[in-house]
C-alpha atoms as a PDB file:
ATOM      1  CA  UNK A   1      -2.951  -4.037  15.738  1.00  0.00           C
ATOM      2  CA  UNK A   2      -3.278  -3.643  12.118  1.00  0.00           C
ATOM      3  CA  UNK A   3      -1.035  -2.390   9.513  1.00  0.00           C
ATOM      4  CA  UNK A   4      -1.844  -0.199   6.630  1.00  0.00           C
ATOM      5  CA  UNK A   5       0.089   0.323   3.658  1.00  0.00           C
ATOM      6  CA  UNK A   6      -0.317   3.004   1.226  1.00  0.00           C
ATOM      7  CA  UNK A   7       0.048   3.200  -2.585  1.00  0.00           C
ATOM      8  CA  UNK A   8       2.763   4.436  -5.001  1.00  0.00           C
ATOM      9  CA  UNK A   9       3.526   8.310  -4.296  1.00  0.00           C
ATOM     10  CA  UNK A  10       1.031   8.375  -1.092  1.00  0.00           C
ATOM     11  CA  UNK A  11       2.004   8.302   2.617  1.00  0.00           C
ATOM     12  CA  UNK A  12       0.366   6.559   5.432  1.00  0.00           C
ATOM     13  CA  UNK A  13      -1.592   9.922   6.166  1.00  0.00           C
ATOM     14  CA  UNK A  14      -3.698   9.067   3.157  1.00  0.00           C
ATOM     15  CA  UNK A  15      -5.630   6.610   5.022  1.00  0.00           C
ATOM     16  CA  UNK A  16      -5.895   8.267   8.509  1.00  0.00           C
ATOM     17  CA  UNK A  17      -9.597   9.401   7.820  1.00  0.00           C
ATOM     18  CA  UNK A  18     -10.435   5.813   6.660  1.00  0.00           C
ATOM     19  CA  UNK A  19      -8.909   3.901   9.660  1.00  0.00           C
ATOM     20  CA  UNK A  20     -10.257   6.580  12.315  1.00  0.00           C
ATOM     21  CA  UNK A  21     -13.819   5.638  11.099  1.00  0.00           C
ATOM     22  CA  UNK A  22     -12.990   2.214  10.771  1.00  0.00           C
ATOM     23  CA  UNK A  23     -11.761   1.911  14.293  1.00  0.00           C
ATOM     24  CA  UNK A  24     -14.566   3.649  16.009  1.00  0.00           C
ATOM     25  CA  UNK A  25     -17.020   1.292  14.076  1.00  0.00           C
ATOM     26  CA  UNK A  26     -14.899  -1.782  15.446  1.00  0.00           C
ATOM     27  CA  UNK A  27     -14.997  -0.193  19.085  1.00  0.00           C
ATOM     28  CA  UNK A  28     -18.643   0.265  19.016  1.00  0.00           C
ATOM     29  CA  UNK A  29     -18.790  -3.376  18.266  1.00  0.00           C
ATOM     30  CA  UNK A  30     -16.838  -4.386  21.220  1.00  0.00           C
ATOM     31  CA  UNK A  31     -13.872  -5.283  19.087  1.00  0.00           C
ATOM     32  CA  UNK A  32     -11.449  -2.636  19.263  1.00  0.00           C
ATOM     33  CA  UNK A  33      -8.211  -2.328  16.779  1.00  0.00           C
ATOM     34  CA  UNK A  34      -5.613   0.179  16.417  1.00  0.00           C
ATOM     35  CA  UNK A  35      -4.032   0.781  13.091  1.00  0.00           C
ATOM     36  CA  UNK A  36      -0.558   1.707  12.378  1.00  0.00           C
ATOM     37  CA  UNK A  37      -0.361   3.940   9.180  1.00  0.00           C
ATOM     38  CA  UNK A  38       3.198   2.988   7.436  1.00  0.00           C
ATOM     39  CA  UNK A  39       5.491   4.780   5.297  1.00  0.00           C
ATOM     40  CA  UNK A  40       7.019   3.022   2.697  1.00  0.00           C
ATOM     41  CA  UNK A  41      10.572   2.927   1.929  1.00  0.00           C
ATOM     42  CA  UNK A  42      11.128   6.164  -0.158  1.00  0.00           C
ATOM     43  CA  UNK A  43       7.758   7.782   0.737  1.00  0.00           C
ATOM     44  CA  UNK A  44       6.714   9.948   3.432  1.00  0.00           C
ATOM     45  CA  UNK A  45       8.670  10.209   6.952  1.00  0.00           C
ATOM     46  CA  UNK A  46      10.388   7.346   5.904  1.00  0.00           C
ATOM     47  CA  UNK A  47      12.147   9.706   3.277  1.00  0.00           C
ATOM     48  CA  UNK A  48      11.370  12.904   4.211  1.00  0.00           C
ATOM     49  CA  UNK A  49      12.642  13.065   8.032  1.00  0.00           C
ATOM     50  CA  UNK A  50      16.443  13.124   7.943  1.00  0.00           C
ATOM     51  CA  UNK A  51      16.722  10.966  10.947  1.00  0.00           C
ATOM     52  CA  UNK A  52      14.901   8.153   9.098  1.00  0.00           C
ATOM     53  CA  UNK A  53      16.038   8.943   5.746  1.00  0.00           C
ATOM     54  CA  UNK A  54      19.454   7.074   6.063  1.00  0.00           C
ATOM     55  CA  UNK A  55      18.327   4.396   8.674  1.00  0.00           C
ATOM     56  CA  UNK A  56      15.341   3.078   6.866  1.00  0.00           C
ATOM     57  CA  UNK A  57      15.753   3.394   2.892  1.00  0.00           C
ATOM     58  CA  UNK A  58      18.321   1.283   1.057  1.00  0.00           C
ATOM     59  CA  UNK A  59      21.341   2.532  -0.706  1.00  0.00           C
ATOM     60  CA  UNK A  60      21.180   4.543  -3.832  1.00  0.00           C
ATOM     61  CA  UNK A  61      22.826   1.724  -5.248  1.00  0.00           C
ATOM     62  CA  UNK A  62      19.535   0.125  -4.907  1.00  0.00           C
ATOM     63  CA  UNK A  63      17.750   1.906  -7.248  1.00  0.00           C
ATOM     64  CA  UNK A  64      19.218   0.531 -10.373  1.00  0.00           C
ATOM     65  CA  UNK A  65      17.720  -2.637  -9.285  1.00  0.00           C
ATOM     66  CA  UNK A  66      13.880  -2.205  -9.822  1.00  0.00           C
ATOM     67  CA  UNK A  67      13.451  -6.214  -9.736  1.00  0.00           C
ATOM     68  CA  UNK A  68      13.913  -6.295  -6.053  1.00  0.00           C
ATOM     69  CA  UNK A  69      12.454  -2.987  -4.750  1.00  0.00           C
ATOM     70  CA  UNK A  70       8.864  -4.483  -3.768  1.00  0.00           C
ATOM     71  CA  UNK A  71      10.735  -7.325  -1.812  1.00  0.00           C
ATOM     72  CA  UNK A  72      12.894  -4.405  -0.158  1.00  0.00           C
ATOM     73  CA  UNK A  73       9.914  -2.690   0.924  1.00  0.00           C
ATOM     74  CA  UNK A  74       8.212  -5.868   2.317  1.00  0.00           C
ATOM     75  CA  UNK A  75      11.167  -6.745   4.401  1.00  0.00           C
ATOM     76  CA  UNK A  76      10.914  -3.096   5.646  1.00  0.00           C
ATOM     77  CA  UNK A  77       7.182  -3.687   6.515  1.00  0.00           C
ATOM     78  CA  UNK A  78       8.441  -6.416   8.860  1.00  0.00           C
ATOM     79  CA  UNK A  79      10.970  -4.245  10.571  1.00  0.00           C
ATOM     80  CA  UNK A  80       8.373  -1.905  11.579  1.00  0.00           C
ATOM     81  CA  UNK A  81       6.124  -5.070  12.849  1.00  0.00           C
ATOM     82  CA  UNK A  82       9.042  -5.900  14.664  1.00  0.00           C
ATOM     83  CA  UNK A  83       9.608  -2.603  16.158  1.00  0.00           C
ATOM     84  CA  UNK A  84       6.112  -2.302  17.118  1.00  0.00           C
ATOM     85  CA  UNK A  85       6.160  -5.267  19.068  1.00  0.00           C
ATOM     86  CA  UNK A  86       9.221  -3.936  20.705  1.00  0.00           C
ATOM     87  CA  UNK A  87       7.756  -0.553  21.686  1.00  0.00           C
ATOM     88  CA  UNK A  88       3.929  -1.386  22.244  1.00  0.00           C
ATOM     89  CA  UNK A  89       4.018  -3.818  24.769  1.00  0.00           C
ATOM     90  CA  UNK A  90       3.982  -6.612  22.808  1.00  0.00           C
ATOM     91  CA  UNK A  91       1.537  -6.050  20.519  1.00  0.00           C
ATOM     92  CA  UNK A  92       0.579  -8.464  18.289  1.00  0.00           C
ATOM     93  CA  UNK A  93       0.200  -7.610  14.223  1.00  0.00           C
ATOM     94  CA  UNK A  94      -2.553  -9.396  13.057  1.00  0.00           C
ATOM     95  CA  UNK A  95      -3.924  -7.884   9.828  1.00  0.00           C
ATOM     96  CA  UNK A  96      -2.295  -5.823   7.122  1.00  0.00           C
ATOM     97  CA  UNK A  97      -4.105  -3.952   4.795  1.00  0.00           C
ATOM     98  CA  UNK A  98      -2.600  -2.686   1.865  1.00  0.00           C
ATOM     99  CA  UNK A  99      -3.649  -0.376  -1.224  1.00  0.00           C
ATOM    100  CA  UNK A 100      -2.379  -0.670  -5.018  1.00  0.00           C
ATOM    101  CA  UNK A 101       1.216  -1.079  -4.337  1.00  0.00           C
ATOM    102  CA  UNK A 102       0.681  -1.678  -0.716  1.00  0.00           C
ATOM    103  CA  UNK A 103      -1.353  -4.548  -1.662  1.00  0.00           C
ATOM    104  CA  UNK A 104       1.444  -6.494  -3.315  1.00  0.00           C
ATOM    105  CA  UNK A 105       3.993  -5.300  -0.491  1.00  0.00           C
ATOM    106  CA  UNK A 106       1.202  -7.153   1.888  1.00  0.00           C
ATOM    107  CA  UNK A 107       1.157 -10.250   0.027  1.00  0.00           C
ATOM    108  CA  UNK A 108       5.427 -10.258  -0.438  1.00  0.00           C
ATOM    109  CA  UNK A 109       5.709  -9.756   3.216  1.00  0.00           C
ATOM    110  CA  UNK A 110       3.617 -12.880   3.900  1.00  0.00           C
ATOM    111  CA  UNK A 111       5.435 -14.710   1.571  1.00  0.00           C
ATOM    112  CA  UNK A 112       8.702 -13.510   3.389  1.00  0.00           C
ATOM    113  CA  UNK A 113       7.304 -14.573   6.591  1.00  0.00           C
ATOM    114  CA  UNK A 114       6.452 -18.104   5.040  1.00  0.00           C
ATOM    115  CA  UNK A 115      10.195 -18.245   3.744  1.00  0.00           C
ATOM    116  CA  UNK A 116      11.629 -17.316   6.679  1.00  0.00           C
ATOM    117  CA  UNK A 117       9.408 -19.933   8.705  1.00  0.00           C
ATOM    118  CA  UNK A 118       8.105 -17.080  10.953  1.00  0.00           C
ATOM    119  CA  UNK A 119       4.320 -16.979  10.354  1.00  0.00           C
ATOM    120  CA  UNK A 120       2.609 -15.602  13.662  1.00  0.00           C
ATOM    121  CA  UNK A 121       1.143 -18.682  15.720  1.00  0.00           C
ATOM    122  CA  UNK A 122      -2.103 -16.774  15.547  1.00  0.00           C
ATOM    123  CA  UNK A 123      -4.617 -16.086  12.998  1.00  0.00           C
ATOM    124  CA  UNK A 124      -3.819 -13.137  10.582  1.00  0.00           C
ATOM    125  CA  UNK A 125      -5.758 -11.508   7.679  1.00  0.00           C
ATOM    126  CA  UNK A 126      -4.116 -10.138   4.880  1.00  0.00           C
ATOM    127  CA  UNK A 127      -6.092  -7.514   2.838  1.00  0.00           C
ATOM    128  CA  UNK A 128      -5.129  -6.484  -0.841  1.00  0.00           C
ATOM    129  CA  UNK A 129      -7.230  -3.270  -1.760  1.00  0.00           C
ATOM    130  CA  UNK A 130      -7.519  -2.546  -5.539  1.00  0.00           C
ATOM    131  CA  UNK A 131      -4.244  -4.057  -5.979  1.00  0.00           C
ATOM    132  CA  UNK A 132      -3.894  -6.513  -8.765  1.00  0.00           C
ATOM    133  CA  UNK A 133      -1.348  -9.574  -7.742  1.00  0.00           C
ATOM    134  CA  UNK A 134      -0.473 -10.398 -11.160  1.00  0.00           C
ATOM    135  CA  UNK A 135       2.261  -8.946 -13.592  1.00  0.00           C
ATOM    136  CA  UNK A 136       1.524  -5.519 -15.404  1.00  0.00           C
ATOM    137  CA  UNK A 137       2.886  -5.539 -19.013  1.00  0.00           C
ATOM    138  CA  UNK A 138       6.278  -3.965 -19.204  1.00  0.00           C
ATOM    139  CA  UNK A 139       5.577  -2.522 -22.967  1.00  0.00           C
ATOM    140  CA  UNK A 140       2.053  -0.522 -21.909  1.00  0.00           C
ATOM    141  CA  UNK A 141       1.232   1.977 -19.374  1.00  0.00           C
ATOM    142  CA  UNK A 142      -2.687   1.313 -19.250  1.00  0.00           C
ATOM    143  CA  UNK A 143      -3.121   3.441 -16.184  1.00  0.00           C
ATOM    144  CA  UNK A 144      -0.597   6.494 -17.154  1.00  0.00           C
ATOM    145  CA  UNK A 145       1.590   5.720 -13.825  1.00  0.00           C
ATOM    146  CA  UNK A 146       4.613   5.442 -15.817  1.00  0.00           C
ATOM    147  CA  UNK A 147       4.066   8.631 -17.594  1.00  0.00           C
ATOM    148  CA  UNK A 148       3.287  10.521 -14.243  1.00  0.00           C
ATOM    149  CA  UNK A 149       6.494   9.179 -12.784  1.00  0.00           C
ATOM    150  CA  UNK A 150       8.302  10.107 -16.005  1.00  0.00           C
ATOM    151  CA  UNK A 151       7.059  13.599 -15.866  1.00  0.00           C
ATOM    152  CA  UNK A 152       7.872  14.348 -12.115  1.00  0.00           C
ATOM    153  CA  UNK A 153      11.504  12.940 -12.739  1.00  0.00           C
ATOM    154  CA  UNK A 154      11.995  15.437 -15.823  1.00  0.00           C
ATOM    155  CA  UNK A 155      10.889  18.518 -13.224  1.00  0.00           C
ATOM    156  CA  UNK A 156      13.434  20.295 -10.705  1.00  0.00           C
ATOM    157  CA  UNK A 157      13.486  18.680  -7.253  1.00  0.00           C
ATOM    158  CA  UNK A 158      12.037  21.945  -5.750  1.00  0.00           C
ATOM    159  CA  UNK A 159       9.482  24.412  -6.340  1.00  0.00           C
ATOM    160  CA  UNK A 160       8.489  27.931  -4.819  1.00  0.00           C
ATOM    161  CA  UNK A 161       4.923  26.799  -4.537  1.00  0.00           C
ATOM    162  CA  UNK A 162       2.388  24.697  -5.382  1.00  0.00           C
ATOM    163  CA  UNK A 163       1.134  26.778  -8.187  1.00  0.00           C
ATOM    164  CA  UNK A 164       4.794  26.346  -9.730  1.00  0.00           C
ATOM    165  CA  UNK A 165       4.436  22.682  -9.594  1.00  0.00           C
ATOM    166  CA  UNK A 166       1.217  22.924 -11.464  1.00  0.00           C
ATOM    167  CA  UNK A 167       2.555  25.203 -14.348  1.00  0.00           C
ATOM    168  CA  UNK A 168       5.332  23.049 -14.635  1.00  0.00           C
ATOM    169  CA  UNK A 169       3.046  19.987 -15.263  1.00  0.00           C
ATOM    170  CA  UNK A 170       0.734  21.832 -17.500  1.00  0.00           C
ATOM    171  CA  UNK A 171       3.302  22.892 -19.757  1.00  0.00           C
ATOM    172  CA  UNK A 172       4.420  19.144 -20.362  1.00  0.00           C
ATOM    173  CA  UNK A 173       3.372  17.521 -23.123  1.00  0.00           C
ATOM    174  CA  UNK A 174      -0.175  16.308 -22.967  1.00  0.00           C
ATOM    175  CA  UNK A 175      -2.677  16.774 -20.519  1.00  0.00           C
ATOM    176  CA  UNK A 176      -2.882  15.699 -16.923  1.00  0.00           C
ATOM    177  CA  UNK A 177      -5.982  15.821 -15.068  1.00  0.00           C
ATOM    178  CA  UNK A 178      -6.422  18.408 -12.414  1.00  0.00           C
ATOM    179  CA  UNK A 179      -7.469  16.056  -9.562  1.00  0.00           C
ATOM    180  CA  UNK A 180      -4.090  14.222 -10.402  1.00  0.00           C
ATOM    181  CA  UNK A 181      -2.347  17.688 -10.593  1.00  0.00           C
ATOM    182  CA  UNK A 182      -3.772  18.858  -7.153  1.00  0.00           C
ATOM    183  CA  UNK A 183      -3.198  15.234  -5.598  1.00  0.00           C
ATOM    184  CA  UNK A 184       0.540  15.497  -6.639  1.00  0.00           C
ATOM    185  CA  UNK A 185       0.397  19.010  -5.061  1.00  0.00           C
ATOM    186  CA  UNK A 186      -0.116  17.688  -1.630  1.00  0.00           C
ATOM    187  CA  UNK A 187       2.829  15.527  -1.759  1.00  0.00           C
ATOM    188  CA  UNK A 188       4.969  18.774  -1.571  1.00  0.00           C
ATOM    189  CA  UNK A 189       6.280  19.741   1.953  1.00  0.00           C
ATOM    190  CA  UNK A 190       8.893  22.521   2.939  1.00  0.00           C
ATOM    191  CA  UNK A 191      12.512  21.493   2.021  1.00  0.00           C
ATOM    192  CA  UNK A 192      13.719  23.227   5.304  1.00  0.00           C
ATOM    193  CA  UNK A 193      10.738  23.018   7.882  1.00  0.00           C
ATOM    194  CA  UNK A 194      12.257  25.520  10.099  1.00  0.00           C
ATOM    195  CA  UNK A 195      12.116  28.289   7.468  1.00  0.00           C
ATOM    196  CA  UNK A 196       8.209  28.255   7.447  1.00  0.00           C
ATOM    197  CA  UNK A 197       6.567  29.742   4.680  1.00  0.00           C
ATOM    198  CA  UNK A 198      10.041  31.023   3.244  1.00  0.00           C
ATOM    199  CA  UNK A 199      11.104  27.467   2.540  1.00  0.00           C
ATOM    200  CA  UNK A 200      10.781  26.108  -0.910  1.00  0.00           C
ATOM    201  CA  UNK A 201       8.783  22.721  -1.338  1.00  0.00           C
ATOM    202  CA  UNK A 202      10.188  19.408  -2.347  1.00  0.00           C
ATOM    203  CA  UNK A 203       8.866  16.248  -2.583  1.00  0.00           C
ATOM    204  CA  UNK A 204       7.595  13.697   0.353  1.00  0.00           C
ATOM    205  CA  UNK A 205       9.069  10.777  -1.669  1.00  0.00           C
ATOM    206  CA  UNK A 206      11.935   9.854  -3.832  1.00  0.00           C
ATOM    207  CA  UNK A 207      11.087   9.996  -7.538  1.00  0.00           C
ATOM    208  CA  UNK A 208      13.809   7.474  -8.274  1.00  0.00           C
ATOM    209  CA  UNK A 209      12.710   5.142  -5.514  1.00  0.00           C
ATOM    210  CA  UNK A 210       9.279   5.509  -6.542  1.00  0.00           C
ATOM    211  CA  UNK A 211      10.412   4.617 -10.305  1.00  0.00           C
ATOM    212  CA  UNK A 212      12.132   1.476  -8.899  1.00  0.00           C
ATOM    213  CA  UNK A 213       9.034   0.195  -7.141  1.00  0.00           C
ATOM    214  CA  UNK A 214       6.659   0.582  -9.565  1.00  0.00           C
ATOM    215  CA  UNK A 215       9.396  -1.391 -12.319  1.00  0.00           C
ATOM    216  CA  UNK A 216       9.468  -3.779  -9.333  1.00  0.00           C
ATOM    217  CA  UNK A 217       5.480  -4.001  -9.250  1.00  0.00           C
ATOM    218  CA  UNK A 218       4.966  -4.252 -12.788  1.00  0.00           C
ATOM    219  CA  UNK A 219       7.420  -7.218 -13.103  1.00  0.00           C
ATOM    220  CA  UNK A 220       6.680  -9.455  -9.987  1.00  0.00           C
ATOM    221  CA  UNK A 221       4.003 -11.931 -10.461  1.00  0.00           C
ATOM    222  CA  UNK A 222       4.707 -14.243  -7.274  1.00  0.00           C
ATOM    223  CA  UNK A 223       1.699 -12.224  -5.483  1.00  0.00           C
ATOM    224  CA  UNK A 224      -0.916 -13.898  -7.144  1.00  0.00           C
ATOM    225  CA  UNK A 225       0.375 -17.429  -6.039  1.00  0.00           C
ATOM    226  CA  UNK A 226       0.325 -16.334  -2.403  1.00  0.00           C
ATOM    227  CA  UNK A 227      -3.544 -15.259  -2.831  1.00  0.00           C
ATOM    228  CA  UNK A 228      -4.539 -18.231  -4.513  1.00  0.00           C
ATOM    229  CA  UNK A 229      -2.759 -20.464  -1.709  1.00  0.00           C
ATOM    230  CA  UNK A 230      -2.030 -18.674   1.481  1.00  0.00           C
ATOM    231  CA  UNK A 231       0.800 -19.934   3.356  1.00  0.00           C
ATOM    232  CA  UNK A 232       0.641 -21.425   6.609  1.00  0.00           C
ATOM    233  CA  UNK A 233      -2.403 -24.090   7.926  1.00  0.00           C
ATOM    234  CA  UNK A 234      -5.814 -24.225   9.732  1.00  0.00           C
ATOM    235  CA  UNK A 235      -4.831 -24.649  13.198  1.00  0.00           C
ATOM    236  CA  UNK A 236      -0.948 -23.409  14.072  1.00  0.00           C
ATOM    237  CA  UNK A 237      -0.531 -20.654  12.118  1.00  0.00           C
ATOM    238  CA  UNK A 238      -3.963 -19.964  10.000  1.00  0.00           C
ATOM    239  CA  UNK A 239      -4.232 -17.080   7.623  1.00  0.00           C
ATOM    240  CA  UNK A 240      -6.460 -15.726   5.276  1.00  0.00           C
ATOM    241  CA  UNK A 241      -5.955 -13.431   2.068  1.00  0.00           C
ATOM    242  CA  UNK A 242      -8.759 -10.814   1.153  1.00  0.00           C
ATOM    243  CA  UNK A 243      -8.702  -9.177  -2.102  1.00  0.00           C
ATOM    244  CA  UNK A 244     -10.484  -6.274  -2.730  1.00  0.00           C
ATOM    245  CA  UNK A 245     -11.387  -5.003  -6.701  1.00  0.00           C
ATOM    246  CA  UNK A 246     -13.167  -1.842  -7.144  1.00  0.00           C
ATOM    247  CA  UNK A 247     -15.932  -2.421  -9.026  1.00  0.00           C
ATOM    248  CA  UNK A 248     -15.289   0.909 -11.496  1.00  0.00           C
ATOM    249  CA  UNK A 249     -11.020  -0.118 -11.497  1.00  0.00           C
ATOM    250  CA  UNK A 250     -10.260  -0.751 -15.161  1.00  0.00           C
ATOM    251  CA  UNK A 251      -6.898  -2.427 -14.006  1.00  0.00           C
ATOM    252  CA  UNK A 252      -8.084  -6.038 -13.386  1.00  0.00           C
ATOM    253  CA  UNK A 253      -7.022  -8.625 -16.196  1.00  0.00           C
ATOM    254  CA  UNK A 254      -9.792 -10.925 -16.789  1.00  0.00           C
ATOM    255  CA  UNK A 255      -8.060 -14.064 -16.367  1.00  0.00           C
ATOM    256  CA  UNK A 256      -6.551 -12.709 -13.159  1.00  0.00           C
ATOM    257  CA  UNK A 257     -10.134 -12.166 -11.704  1.00  0.00           C
ATOM    258  CA  UNK A 258     -11.199 -15.270 -12.946  1.00  0.00           C
ATOM    259  CA  UNK A 259      -8.500 -17.278 -11.202  1.00  0.00           C
ATOM    260  CA  UNK A 260      -9.297 -15.301  -7.455  1.00  0.00           C
ATOM    261  CA  UNK A 261     -13.186 -15.594  -7.801  1.00  0.00           C
ATOM    262  CA  UNK A 262     -12.943 -19.495  -8.985  1.00  0.00           C
ATOM    263  CA  UNK A 263     -10.421 -20.194  -5.931  1.00  0.00           C
ATOM    264  CA  UNK A 264     -12.364 -18.388  -3.521  1.00  0.00           C
ATOM    265  CA  UNK A 265     -15.449 -20.659  -4.176  1.00  0.00           C
ATOM    266  CA  UNK A 266     -13.779 -23.611  -3.740  1.00  0.00           C
ATOM    267  CA  UNK A 267     -14.315 -25.643  -0.490  1.00  0.00           C
ATOM    268  CA  UNK A 268     -11.656 -25.204   2.161  1.00  0.00           C
ATOM    269  CA  UNK A 269     -10.049 -21.701   0.266  1.00  0.00           C
ATOM    270  CA  UNK A 270      -8.099 -18.920   2.544  1.00  0.00           C
ATOM    271  CA  UNK A 271      -8.863 -16.669  -0.170  1.00  0.00           C
ATOM    272  CA  UNK A 272     -11.565 -14.386   0.075  1.00  0.00           C
ATOM    273  CA  UNK A 273     -12.645 -11.988  -2.950  1.00  0.00           C
ATOM    274  CA  UNK A 274     -14.804  -9.074  -2.668  1.00  0.00           C
ATOM    275  CA  UNK A 275     -16.382  -6.477  -5.120  1.00  0.00           C
ATOM    276  CA  UNK A 276     -16.827  -3.035  -3.778  1.00  0.00           C
ATOM    277  CA  UNK A 277     -19.700  -1.221  -5.732  1.00  0.00           C
ATOM    278  CA  UNK A 278     -19.829   2.329  -6.457  1.00  0.00           C
ATOM    279  CA  UNK A 279     -15.933   2.560  -6.123  1.00  0.00           C
ATOM    280  CA  UNK A 280     -13.077   3.121  -8.580  1.00  0.00           C
ATOM    281  CA  UNK A 281      -9.134   2.720  -7.657  1.00  0.00           C
ATOM    282  CA  UNK A 282      -9.571   5.181  -4.487  1.00  0.00           C
ATOM    283  CA  UNK A 283     -11.966   2.857  -3.094  1.00  0.00           C
ATOM    284  CA  UNK A 284     -11.457   4.474   0.513  1.00  0.00           C
ATOM    285  CA  UNK A 285     -12.608   7.798  -0.827  1.00  0.00           C
ATOM    286  CA  UNK A 286     -15.236   6.798  -3.028  1.00  0.00           C
ATOM    287  CA  UNK A 287     -17.007   4.401  -1.302  1.00  0.00           C
ATOM    288  CA  UNK A 288     -15.340   4.574   2.352  1.00  0.00           C
ATOM    289  CA  UNK A 289     -18.516   3.423   4.219  1.00  0.00           C
ATOM    290  CA  UNK A 290     -18.880   0.496   1.792  1.00  0.00           C
ATOM    291  CA  UNK A 291     -15.525  -0.286   2.305  1.00  0.00           C
ATOM    292  CA  UNK A 292     -15.543  -0.174   5.971  1.00  0.00           C
ATOM    293  CA  UNK A 293     -18.722  -2.697   5.923  1.00  0.00           C
ATOM    294  CA  UNK A 294     -16.506  -4.942   3.955  1.00  0.00           C
ATOM    295  CA  UNK A 295     -13.636  -5.223   6.205  1.00  0.00           C
ATOM    296  CA  UNK A 296     -15.130  -4.573   9.874  1.00  0.00           C
ATOM    297  CA  UNK A 297     -17.000  -7.896  10.177  1.00  0.00           C
ATOM    298  CA  UNK A 298     -14.053  -9.683   9.264  1.00  0.00           C
ATOM    299  CA  UNK A 299     -11.717  -7.946  11.225  1.00  0.00           C
ATOM    300  CA  UNK A 300     -14.285  -8.605  14.087  1.00  0.00           C
ATOM    301  CA  UNK A 301     -14.595 -12.018  13.439  1.00  0.00           C
ATOM    302  CA  UNK A 302     -10.604 -12.254  13.556  1.00  0.00           C
ATOM    303  CA  UNK A 303     -10.535 -10.342  17.018  1.00  0.00           C
ATOM    304  CA  UNK A 304     -12.974 -13.015  18.312  1.00  0.00           C
ATOM    305  CA  UNK A 305     -10.595 -16.022  17.379  1.00  0.00           C
ATOM    306  CA  UNK A 306      -7.535 -14.604  18.791  1.00  0.00           C
ATOM    307  CA  UNK A 307      -6.095 -16.275  21.898  1.00  0.00           C
END
C-alpha cells in the first residue's frame, strides 16, 4: 500500500483521478498497489468532519507555534499508517508519495521513523513531488502563497455561495488569477450538510492551521538532509527517496537542485532525482501520463522486491 499526501489547502481527493489511473496501470503490469489518500491535519475530512476534528487535529494553542506544525503533521501520518495496518489486515505501507507540502511531510515522517528506530524492515520508497526540500526565505513570498493565506484569513468564515467568495477575492487589492480563485472555490463545503443547498459554505481547511503549516514549511530545512542521505541501510530496512521536479516549476533554488543532482549521480546513492517535462507545480494535472510513467516502473520494481 502507498500513502498519498496532498499539498497546502488541498485534500486527498485532489489525487483521486491520478491514483486510480496509476493503480490501473500497475495492475495491468501484474504489480497491483492500493493507494490511501490522506487528509492532513487542519485539512479535508480530518478538519471538516466533526467526528475527526477533535481527535485528529492538534489543539488551538499549537497554532501559535508554526515551527512544529510540519513535524506534527508527520506524526499524524504515522498514526494513519498504524491505523491502516490495524484495520486492513496488517497491510504494509511500502511507499509514501507527497506533493508540495506533502513532500516535506513525507520526508519528515521518514526522519521521525529513523529517530524512533522504527523504520520498516522491508524496502520502502519516499516520493517528494515538486516539493523543494530546503528552506524558503522568510522575507519573501516568491510564489504568492503567503498572500493567498493572508487573503483567506481576512475573509469571513462562511459564504452564501462560491460566487460570494469570488466577489470578495476580486475586491481585495491586487489581482488573483481566475484559475486560483476557481480552485479555492472547490475547497468550500456546506457548513451544515444536513441543510443541503440551504446551508452556507465554509472552508474544508482551517485557515489558521494552514498558516501554521506554511510557516513551518518555510522554516524547515531538515528535509534536504533526509533526501540527500536517506536513513536505513541496504539490507534490513532499505529505503529510497525519489525527488521529482516539475520542469516548468519556478520554485527551485539552484543550489538545492545542484545538491540533489550531484548526490543522485553518486555511486551507491539511494536518492533518485527526476525532472518531469511539460509540467508546472500541479504536475499530476499538467502531465499525468508522464508522471505515471516516472512512478509506475519504480513502484513495480519495489513490489517485486517485497518479501
